Amino acid sequence: MCLAVPGKIISIDSSVPELKMAKVDFGGMIKNICIQWVEASEGDYVLAHAGMAISTVDEERARETLADFDAIARSLENPT
């Protein structure tokens, strides 16, 4: 099973044309993610898995997914 996590692109590094990278914000955790194979710009949201952006996603869907992850984390911290 794979899990792709949405994050917001905060900057793009195109200094190596064969490997376009981006700094992506995952709820305050900033990671370098390869965006070579998706059409994305600064401010866009991407789904990332294993250091690679696998698709773009609209902001509303990204926020909904992040809220779901947060709800899961809270329920694991406070099981009933």
C-alpha atoms as a PDB file:
ATOM      1  CA  MET A   1       0.000   0.000   0.000  1.00  0.00           C
ATOM      2  CA  CYS A   2       1.280   3.455  -0.909  1.00  0.00           C
ATOM      3  CA  LEU A   3       0.515   6.677   0.860  1.00  0.00           C
ATOM      4  CA  ALA A   4       0.886   9.982  -0.956  1.00  0.00           C
ATOM      5  CA  VAL A   5       0.814  13.111   1.175  1.00  0.00           C
ATOM      6  CA  PRO A   6      -0.280  16.552  -0.084  1.00  0.00           C
ATOM      7  CA  GLY A   7       2.079  19.474   0.340  1.00  0.00           C
ATOM      8  CA  LYS A   8       2.409  23.046  -0.911  1.00  0.00           C
ATOM      9  CA  ILE A   9       5.318  24.036  -3.131  1.00  0.00           C
ATOM     10  CA  ILE A  10       7.114  26.994  -1.565  1.00  0.00           C
ATOM     11  CA  SER A  11      10.048  27.243  -3.983  1.00  0.00           C
ATOM     12  CA  ILE A  12      11.396  25.525  -7.088  1.00  0.00           C
ATOM     13  CA  ASP A  13      15.011  24.766  -7.964  1.00  0.00           C
ATOM     14  CA  SER A  14      15.588  24.301 -11.705  1.00  0.00           C
ATOM     15  CA  SER A  15      19.371  24.591 -11.527  1.00  0.00           C
ATOM     16  CA  VAL A  16      19.730  20.986 -12.760  1.00  0.00           C
ATOM     17  CA  PRO A  17      17.445  20.791 -15.822  1.00  0.00           C
ATOM     18  CA  GLU A  18      17.223  16.987 -15.687  1.00  0.00           C
ATOM     19  CA  LEU A  19      16.014  16.987 -12.072  1.00  0.00           C
ATOM     20  CA  LYS A  20      13.649  19.801 -11.106  1.00  0.00           C
ATOM     21  CA  MET A  21      13.281  19.913  -7.322  1.00  0.00           C
ATOM     22  CA  ALA A  22      10.988  21.855  -5.007  1.00  0.00           C
ATOM     23  CA  LYS A  23      10.841  22.720  -1.345  1.00  0.00           C
ATOM     24  CA  VAL A  24       7.424  21.477  -0.267  1.00  0.00           C
ATOM     25  CA  ASP A  25       5.653  22.345   2.976  1.00  0.00           C
ATOM     26  CA  PHE A  26       3.881  19.413   4.635  1.00  0.00           C
ATOM     27  CA  GLY A  27       2.164  21.168   7.531  1.00  0.00           C
ATOM     28  CA  GLY A  28       5.313  22.909   8.716  1.00  0.00           C
ATOM     29  CA  MET A  29       7.760  20.168   7.745  1.00  0.00           C
ATOM     30  CA  ILE A  30       9.747  21.281   4.686  1.00  0.00           C
ATOM     31  CA  LYS A  31      11.101  18.565   2.391  1.00  0.00           C
ATOM     32  CA  ASN A  32      12.928  18.557  -0.939  1.00  0.00           C
ATOM     33  CA  ILE A  33      10.728  16.764  -3.461  1.00  0.00           C
ATOM     34  CA  CYS A  34      11.407  15.908  -7.103  1.00  0.00           C
ATOM     35  CA  ILE A  35       8.774  17.546  -9.327  1.00  0.00           C
ATOM     36  CA  GLN A  36      10.413  16.668 -12.658  1.00  0.00           C
ATOM     37  CA  TRP A  37       7.443  14.691 -13.982  1.00  0.00           C
ATOM     38  CA  VAL A  38       4.522  16.915 -12.943  1.00  0.00           C
ATOM     39  CA  GLU A  39       3.448  20.328 -14.193  1.00  0.00           C
ATOM     40  CA  ALA A  40       3.546  22.407 -11.030  1.00  0.00           C
ATOM     41  CA  SER A  41       4.403  25.946  -9.982  1.00  0.00           C
ATOM     42  CA  GLU A  42       5.175  27.709  -6.733  1.00  0.00           C
ATOM     43  CA  GLY A  43       2.021  27.782  -4.599  1.00  0.00           C
ATOM     44  CA  ASP A  44       0.584  24.601  -6.153  1.00  0.00           C
ATOM     45  CA  TYR A  45      -0.152  21.507  -4.103  1.00  0.00           C
ATOM     46  CA  VAL A  46       1.333  18.155  -5.053  1.00  0.00           C
ATOM     47  CA  LEU A  47       0.867  14.609  -3.827  1.00  0.00           C
ATOM     48  CA  ALA A  48       4.265  13.255  -2.853  1.00  0.00           C
ATOM     49  CA  HIS A  49       5.391   9.694  -2.247  1.00  0.00           C
ATOM     50  CA  ALA A  50       8.949   8.583  -1.498  1.00  0.00           C
ATOM     51  CA  GLY A  51      10.434  11.970  -2.380  1.00  0.00           C
ATOM     52  CA  MET A  52       8.626  12.273  -5.719  1.00  0.00           C
ATOM     53  CA  ALA A  53       5.628  14.353  -6.709  1.00  0.00           C
ATOM     54  CA  ILE A  54       3.210  11.972  -8.406  1.00  0.00           C
ATOM     55  CA  SER A  55       0.467  14.474  -9.271  1.00  0.00           C
ATOM     56  CA  THR A  56      -0.902  17.892  -8.537  1.00  0.00           C
ATOM     57  CA  VAL A  57      -4.004  18.375  -6.432  1.00  0.00           C
ATOM     58  CA  ASP A  58      -6.251  21.369  -5.868  1.00  0.00           C
ATOM     59  CA  GLU A  59      -5.958  23.267  -2.597  1.00  0.00           C
ATOM     60  CA  GLU A  60      -9.379  22.247  -1.293  1.00  0.00           C
ATOM     61  CA  ARG A  61      -8.686  18.529  -1.778  1.00  0.00           C
ATOM     62  CA  ALA A  62      -5.232  18.918  -0.178  1.00  0.00           C
ATOM     63  CA  ARG A  63      -6.687  20.644   2.876  1.00  0.00           C
ATOM     64  CA  GLU A  64      -9.420  17.994   3.213  1.00  0.00           C
ATOM     65  CA  THR A  65      -6.832  15.211   3.085  1.00  0.00           C
ATOM     66  CA  LEU A  66      -4.588  16.938   5.634  1.00  0.00           C
ATOM     67  CA  ALA A  67      -7.604  17.392   7.945  1.00  0.00           C
ATOM     68  CA  ASP A  68      -8.360  13.668   7.612  1.00  0.00           C
ATOM     69  CA  PHE A  69      -4.751  12.797   8.511  1.00  0.00           C
ATOM     70  CA  ASP A  70      -4.989  15.113  11.526  1.00  0.00           C
ATOM     71  CA  ALA A  71      -8.228  13.455  12.667  1.00  0.00           C
ATOM     72  CA  ILE A  72      -6.619  10.013  12.371  1.00  0.00           C
ATOM     73  CA  ALA A  73      -3.598  11.147  14.402  1.00  0.00           C
ATOM     74  CA  ARG A  74      -5.849  12.616  17.114  1.00  0.00           C
ATOM     75  CA  SER A  75      -7.900   9.414  17.339  1.00  0.00           C
ATOM     76  CA  LEU A  76      -4.736   7.345  17.715  1.00  0.00           C
ATOM     77  CA  GLU A  77      -3.535   9.616  20.523  1.00  0.00           C
ATOM     78  CA  ASN A  78      -6.886   9.412  22.353  1.00  0.00           C
ATOM     79  CA  PRO A  79      -8.465   6.009  21.658  1.00  0.00           C
ATOM     80  CA  THR A  80     -11.936   5.480  23.109  1.00  0.00           C
END
